Every structure is written in structure tokens, then in C-alpha cells.
């Protein structure tokens, strides 16, 4: 990877499960007290999977996604990096190019403990190569006051941090135009992260009582006023 990576944009600090966490414009979550970085729905190799099925989609997304993770790792210096499921998109993602890029990325960040909480795509793609030195666990994986999950759910004693839904919000302008942006979705006992991967799409989340949405766009995260 290119070590000349840009400096991450300023985060937005919020309180969740009794802890201060930072919502990152790069679509990750940072827990500063324990130096843990959380990333959901990387979906490495999704473009390669589509190309294997005959769809003319662009390449290069794997290296772009890994470069974005590198920028966060170099800036925040996490002790642990937790992937909340769907690390590889499918078995077709296990190409020499993608696995080679992953090996190079891991060699550049050997001191970060990497944990993968298995998601639904991981069951089809298989666990990452053992050579990457990643710890692979099933949900819920408990750490401090948090339950790391792939699927959004409630936990009896811990605040869940999850992915899977690729949450997005639609904003309306005065001229009847609309803007669709990825977002963080926080509600009692549950925090859902936007998909980190660049080629993932999004599921529209609607405002509800007790649900707070934080759109991501223009290198910023902001709180959407409750309706």
C-alpha cells in the first residue's frame, strides 16, 4: 500500500453504552478509551465477484478500501481492529490479486490485532487465510460494554455494535431534489455502522422515535434533527 495516505477527517463524538465513541467520516467507529477501531461490511472482492459473473464493473476497489483502512490505522494507531462481518464478499473474491493485496496490507500493519465477527457473506466466502493472523469469532463477541455483532440485534447486558444493513438516509432539498447518504444509526442498545466498502449499496433507514441518524458526506458526520 501507498504510505502517503491522507489525514482522516474530524470525527463526531457521541455517547453510547456509557462510553464515548467517535463516528468517523470514513464510515468506521473509534473507541478512544481502549483504542479499538470498528469497521462493518468491507465486502472485499465484490467487484471481482460481479466481473466473474460477466458484469462489466470497474476494478481497483480492494486496494482503495485497504488504503482507506491504512489511513485510519496510521492516524489512530488502534490496538484492535474489529471487522463486523462480511470481510470477503464471496468465494469468487479469493483471487490471487485480492489475497496478495490483503497479505501486503497485513504485512504493513503486523502489530494490530485483527478480529473478524463472522457475517452471512463470510459463511459463503470462508474465513480469511490463516496467514493473515486474524482472529475469527461468532457473534456476539463481547468486549467491554459492547457486543460486537454482524446482524443488528439486542443483547441482554451489552450495547450492540453491528453492520449488515448498510444504512443510508435520504435528504430532501427545497427543489424536490434528493440526496442519499450512508449513515450511522443509533438507538437504545443498538448502533449500526454504515458499510465501509466502496461498492456495497445502502438500505434506506427511516426516522423513528428513539432512533438517531448521523449522515456521512463531504468528509463530515452530523446529527440529523429528529422529526
Foldseek 3Di string as FASTA:
>chain_A
DDPPADAAFDWCWDDDLNAIWTQGLLQWIARLVQQEIEAEAQQAQPQLVVVVVVDPDDDDQLLVLLSSVSNVCVNSVGQEYEYAENNHQALSNPDPVNLVSLLVSLVVVVRHAYEYAYDPRCVHNDDRDVSSVHHYHYWQDDDDQETRHADWDADPGHQYEYEPQQEWEWDADPVRDIDIFGKWKDFHSYIYIHHSGPPDDHDYDDADVRIWIWGRDPSYTDTDDHD
